[in-house]
Amino acid sequence: MSSGPRAGHPLVDTSRPLVMALPAAPTREEVARLCAELAAAPPGDVRCRVDAAADGLAAVDALARLALAARRAGHRLTFHGAGPGLTALLRLTGLDQVL
């Protein structure tokens, strides 16, 4: 007696989440690279470590772009490490559900 084939791609380890890091002052190029990395990865869990010093609209824009890219690629994205300034700014802009 044999069992059926396993679900998923046989060469992709989906047991561990993809881990990314968002720097304190993300550039457009860095955000584009992270978004491309998300698009190329198989759907799964993604953890993004946000630099505690990240603050301002550039960081808000980067988080929103990453969240959109993750959603489009079928990922479950979580952010960790955002400082109080960025958290307050996200709350102010209505994007606090991203964290």
N, C-alpha and C. Protein backbone atom coordinates (compact mmCIF):
# COMPACT_ATOMS: atom_id res chain seq x y z
N MET A 1 0.84 -1.17 0.00
CA MET A 1 0.00 0.00 0.00
C MET A 1 0.89 1.24 0.00
N SER A 2 0.55 2.23 -0.79
CA SER A 2 1.35 3.45 -0.83
C SER A 2 0.46 4.66 -0.64
N SER A 3 1.05 5.69 -0.15
CA SER A 3 0.30 6.94 0.01
C SER A 3 0.47 7.78 -1.25
N GLY A 4 -0.38 8.75 -1.41
CA GLY A 4 -0.32 9.63 -2.57
C GLY A 4 0.86 10.56 -2.50
N PRO A 5 1.11 11.29 -3.57
CA PRO A 5 2.23 12.24 -3.58
C PRO A 5 2.02 13.36 -2.56
N ARG A 6 3.11 13.86 -2.05
CA ARG A 6 3.06 14.96 -1.09
C ARG A 6 2.68 16.25 -1.80
N ALA A 7 1.96 17.10 -1.09
CA ALA A 7 1.56 18.39 -1.66
C ALA A 7 2.75 19.33 -1.72
N GLY A 8 2.73 20.23 -2.69
CA GLY A 8 3.79 21.24 -2.79
C GLY A 8 4.93 20.78 -3.67
N HIS A 9 5.83 21.68 -3.91
CA HIS A 9 6.99 21.41 -4.73
C HIS A 9 7.99 20.58 -3.94
N PRO A 10 8.50 19.47 -4.50
CA PRO A 10 9.37 18.58 -3.73
C PRO A 10 10.73 19.17 -3.37
N LEU A 11 11.17 20.22 -4.06
CA LEU A 11 12.49 20.77 -3.80
C LEU A 11 12.45 22.05 -2.97
N VAL A 12 11.28 22.48 -2.52
CA VAL A 12 11.14 23.73 -1.78
C VAL A 12 10.82 23.42 -0.33
N ASP A 13 11.63 23.91 0.58
CA ASP A 13 11.37 23.73 2.01
C ASP A 13 10.48 24.87 2.48
N THR A 14 9.20 24.55 2.73
CA THR A 14 8.25 25.57 3.18
C THR A 14 8.04 25.53 4.68
N SER A 15 8.81 24.72 5.39
CA SER A 15 8.64 24.62 6.83
C SER A 15 9.24 25.82 7.56
N ARG A 16 10.17 26.50 6.94
CA ARG A 16 10.78 27.68 7.55
C ARG A 16 10.36 28.93 6.79
N PRO A 17 10.04 29.99 7.52
CA PRO A 17 9.62 31.21 6.83
C PRO A 17 10.80 31.91 6.16
N LEU A 18 10.49 32.65 5.13
CA LEU A 18 11.46 33.53 4.50
C LEU A 18 11.66 34.71 5.45
N VAL A 19 12.90 35.07 5.72
CA VAL A 19 13.19 36.18 6.64
C VAL A 19 13.84 37.30 5.84
N MET A 20 13.31 38.52 6.03
CA MET A 20 13.81 39.71 5.35
C MET A 20 14.13 40.78 6.39
N ALA A 21 14.87 41.77 5.98
CA ALA A 21 15.18 42.89 6.88
C ALA A 21 14.96 44.21 6.14
N LEU A 22 14.25 45.12 6.80
CA LEU A 22 14.02 46.45 6.25
C LEU A 22 14.92 47.42 6.99
N PRO A 23 15.84 48.09 6.29
CA PRO A 23 16.76 49.01 6.96
C PRO A 23 16.06 50.27 7.46
N ALA A 24 16.78 51.04 8.26
CA ALA A 24 16.23 52.26 8.86
C ALA A 24 15.82 53.28 7.80
N ALA A 25 16.60 53.42 6.76
CA ALA A 25 16.29 54.38 5.69
C ALA A 25 16.27 53.62 4.36
N PRO A 26 15.16 52.93 4.07
CA PRO A 26 15.11 52.12 2.85
C PRO A 26 15.10 52.98 1.59
N THR A 27 15.90 52.58 0.62
CA THR A 27 15.91 53.27 -0.68
C THR A 27 14.92 52.57 -1.61
N ARG A 28 14.58 53.24 -2.70
CA ARG A 28 13.68 52.64 -3.68
C ARG A 28 14.26 51.33 -4.23
N GLU A 29 15.57 51.32 -4.43
CA GLU A 29 16.23 50.13 -4.96
C GLU A 29 16.13 48.96 -3.98
N GLU A 30 16.32 49.24 -2.69
CA GLU A 30 16.22 48.18 -1.68
C GLU A 30 14.79 47.63 -1.60
N VAL A 31 13.82 48.51 -1.65
CA VAL A 31 12.42 48.08 -1.59
C VAL A 31 12.07 47.28 -2.84
N ALA A 32 12.54 47.72 -4.01
CA ALA A 32 12.29 46.98 -5.25
C ALA A 32 12.93 45.60 -5.19
N ARG A 33 14.12 45.50 -4.62
CA ARG A 33 14.80 44.21 -4.49
C ARG A 33 14.02 43.29 -3.57
N LEU A 34 13.55 43.81 -2.43
CA LEU A 34 12.76 43.00 -1.49
C LEU A 34 11.45 42.54 -2.12
N CYS A 35 10.80 43.43 -2.87
CA CYS A 35 9.55 43.06 -3.55
C CYS A 35 9.80 41.98 -4.59
N ALA A 36 10.91 42.08 -5.33
CA ALA A 36 11.25 41.06 -6.32
C ALA A 36 11.54 39.73 -5.63
N GLU A 37 12.18 39.78 -4.49
CA GLU A 37 12.46 38.57 -3.72
C GLU A 37 11.15 37.90 -3.28
N LEU A 38 10.19 38.71 -2.86
CA LEU A 38 8.88 38.18 -2.47
C LEU A 38 8.18 37.54 -3.67
N ALA A 39 8.25 38.20 -4.82
CA ALA A 39 7.58 37.69 -6.01
C ALA A 39 8.19 36.37 -6.48
N ALA A 40 9.49 36.20 -6.28
CA ALA A 40 10.18 34.99 -6.74
C ALA A 40 10.02 33.81 -5.78
N ALA A 41 9.71 34.07 -4.52
CA ALA A 41 9.61 33.01 -3.53
C ALA A 41 8.27 32.29 -3.61
N PRO A 42 8.26 31.00 -3.31
CA PRO A 42 6.97 30.30 -3.29
C PRO A 42 6.11 30.82 -2.14
N PRO A 43 4.79 30.79 -2.30
CA PRO A 43 3.91 31.31 -1.25
C PRO A 43 4.18 30.63 0.10
N GLY A 44 4.14 31.43 1.16
CA GLY A 44 4.38 30.90 2.49
C GLY A 44 4.48 32.02 3.50
N ASP A 45 5.02 31.70 4.66
CA ASP A 45 5.20 32.69 5.71
C ASP A 45 6.46 33.50 5.45
N VAL A 46 6.34 34.80 5.67
CA VAL A 46 7.48 35.72 5.51
C VAL A 46 7.53 36.60 6.75
N ARG A 47 8.71 36.69 7.34
CA ARG A 47 8.92 37.57 8.49
C ARG A 47 9.88 38.68 8.08
N CYS A 48 9.46 39.91 8.31
CA CYS A 48 10.29 41.05 7.97
C CYS A 48 10.67 41.78 9.25
N ARG A 49 11.96 41.84 9.50
CA ARG A 49 12.47 42.55 10.67
C ARG A 49 12.69 44.00 10.28
N VAL A 50 11.99 44.89 10.96
CA VAL A 50 12.07 46.32 10.68
C VAL A 50 13.09 46.92 11.63
N ASP A 51 14.03 47.68 11.10
CA ASP A 51 15.01 48.36 11.94
C ASP A 51 14.28 49.29 12.90
N ALA A 52 14.62 49.24 14.17
CA ALA A 52 13.95 50.05 15.18
C ALA A 52 14.08 51.54 14.92
N ALA A 53 15.10 51.94 14.17
CA ALA A 53 15.29 53.35 13.86
C ALA A 53 14.50 53.80 12.62
N ALA A 54 13.83 52.86 11.95
CA ALA A 54 13.04 53.21 10.76
C ALA A 54 11.90 54.13 11.17
N ASP A 55 11.78 55.23 10.47
CA ASP A 55 10.75 56.22 10.78
C ASP A 55 10.53 57.07 9.53
N GLY A 56 9.42 57.69 9.44
CA GLY A 56 9.15 58.60 8.34
C GLY A 56 8.35 57.95 7.23
N LEU A 57 8.00 58.78 6.26
CA LEU A 57 7.15 58.32 5.18
C LEU A 57 7.83 57.33 4.25
N ALA A 58 9.16 57.36 4.16
CA ALA A 58 9.87 56.38 3.34
C ALA A 58 9.66 54.98 3.91
N ALA A 59 9.70 54.85 5.22
CA ALA A 59 9.48 53.54 5.85
C ALA A 59 8.03 53.11 5.70
N VAL A 60 7.08 54.04 5.82
CA VAL A 60 5.66 53.72 5.63
C VAL A 60 5.43 53.24 4.20
N ASP A 61 5.99 53.95 3.23
CA ASP A 61 5.87 53.56 1.83
C ASP A 61 6.47 52.17 1.60
N ALA A 62 7.64 51.91 2.18
CA ALA A 62 8.29 50.61 2.01
C ALA A 62 7.44 49.49 2.60
N LEU A 63 6.90 49.69 3.79
CA LEU A 63 6.06 48.67 4.40
C LEU A 63 4.80 48.41 3.58
N ALA A 64 4.19 49.47 3.07
CA ALA A 64 2.99 49.30 2.27
C ALA A 64 3.29 48.55 0.97
N ARG A 65 4.42 48.87 0.34
CA ARG A 65 4.80 48.19 -0.90
C ARG A 65 5.10 46.71 -0.65
N LEU A 66 5.80 46.43 0.45
CA LEU A 66 6.10 45.04 0.79
C LEU A 66 4.83 44.26 1.10
N ALA A 67 3.91 44.87 1.83
CA ALA A 67 2.65 44.20 2.16
C ALA A 67 1.86 43.89 0.89
N LEU A 68 1.83 44.82 -0.05
CA LEU A 68 1.11 44.61 -1.31
C LEU A 68 1.78 43.51 -2.14
N ALA A 69 3.10 43.55 -2.23
CA ALA A 69 3.82 42.52 -3.00
C ALA A 69 3.61 41.14 -2.38
N ALA A 70 3.61 41.08 -1.06
CA ALA A 70 3.40 39.79 -0.38
C ALA A 70 1.99 39.27 -0.65
N ARG A 71 1.02 40.15 -0.56
CA ARG A 71 -0.37 39.74 -0.80
C ARG A 71 -0.54 39.23 -2.23
N ARG A 72 0.06 39.92 -3.18
CA ARG A 72 -0.04 39.51 -4.58
C ARG A 72 0.59 38.14 -4.83
N ALA A 73 1.67 37.83 -4.09
CA ALA A 73 2.37 36.56 -4.27
C ALA A 73 1.83 35.44 -3.39
N GLY A 74 0.82 35.74 -2.57
CA GLY A 74 0.21 34.72 -1.73
C GLY A 74 0.94 34.44 -0.44
N HIS A 75 1.75 35.38 0.03
CA HIS A 75 2.49 35.20 1.27
C HIS A 75 1.69 35.67 2.48
N ARG A 76 2.05 35.16 3.64
CA ARG A 76 1.55 35.65 4.92
C ARG A 76 2.71 36.42 5.54
N LEU A 77 2.65 37.73 5.48
CA LEU A 77 3.75 38.60 5.88
C LEU A 77 3.51 39.19 7.26
N THR A 78 4.52 39.12 8.11
CA THR A 78 4.47 39.77 9.41
C THR A 78 5.71 40.65 9.58
N PHE A 79 5.51 41.79 10.22
CA PHE A 79 6.61 42.71 10.49
C PHE A 79 6.90 42.69 11.98
N HIS A 80 8.17 42.79 12.34
CA HIS A 80 8.60 42.79 13.73
C HIS A 80 9.64 43.87 13.96
N GLY A 81 9.61 44.49 15.12
CA GLY A 81 10.68 45.40 15.52
C GLY A 81 10.45 46.86 15.24
N ALA A 82 9.31 47.25 14.72
CA ALA A 82 9.07 48.67 14.42
C ALA A 82 9.08 49.47 15.72
N GLY A 83 9.73 50.61 15.68
CA GLY A 83 9.81 51.48 16.85
C GLY A 83 8.52 52.24 17.07
N PRO A 84 8.43 52.94 18.19
CA PRO A 84 7.19 53.66 18.51
C PRO A 84 6.88 54.78 17.52
N GLY A 85 7.88 55.43 16.97
CA GLY A 85 7.64 56.51 16.01
C GLY A 85 6.99 55.99 14.74
N LEU A 86 7.50 54.88 14.21
CA LEU A 86 6.93 54.29 12.99
C LEU A 86 5.55 53.72 13.28
N THR A 87 5.38 53.11 14.43
CA THR A 87 4.07 52.56 14.80
C THR A 87 3.03 53.67 14.88
N ALA A 88 3.40 54.81 15.47
CA ALA A 88 2.47 55.94 15.58
C ALA A 88 2.15 56.51 14.19
N LEU A 89 3.15 56.60 13.33
CA LEU A 89 2.93 57.11 11.98
C LEU A 89 2.02 56.18 11.17
N LEU A 90 2.21 54.88 11.32
CA LEU A 90 1.35 53.93 10.64
C LEU A 90 -0.09 54.03 11.15
N ARG A 91 -0.24 54.25 12.44
CA ARG A 91 -1.57 54.42 13.02
C ARG A 91 -2.22 55.68 12.46
N LEU A 92 -1.45 56.74 12.34
CA LEU A 92 -1.93 58.01 11.82
C LEU A 92 -2.39 57.90 10.37
N THR A 93 -1.67 57.11 9.58
CA THR A 93 -2.01 56.97 8.16
C THR A 93 -3.05 55.88 7.90
N GLY A 94 -3.43 55.15 8.95
CA GLY A 94 -4.41 54.09 8.79
C GLY A 94 -3.81 52.78 8.33
N LEU A 95 -2.49 52.67 8.35
CA LEU A 95 -1.82 51.44 7.90
C LEU A 95 -1.33 50.59 9.07
N ASP A 96 -1.84 50.83 10.26
CA ASP A 96 -1.35 50.10 11.43
C ASP A 96 -1.69 48.61 11.38
N GLN A 97 -2.65 48.19 10.57
CA GLN A 97 -2.95 46.78 10.45
C GLN A 97 -1.84 46.02 9.73
N VAL A 98 -0.93 46.75 9.07
CA VAL A 98 0.20 46.12 8.38
C VAL A 98 1.11 45.45 9.39
N LEU A 99 1.27 46.05 10.58
CA LEU A 99 2.16 45.47 11.60
C LEU A 99 1.52 44.33 12.32
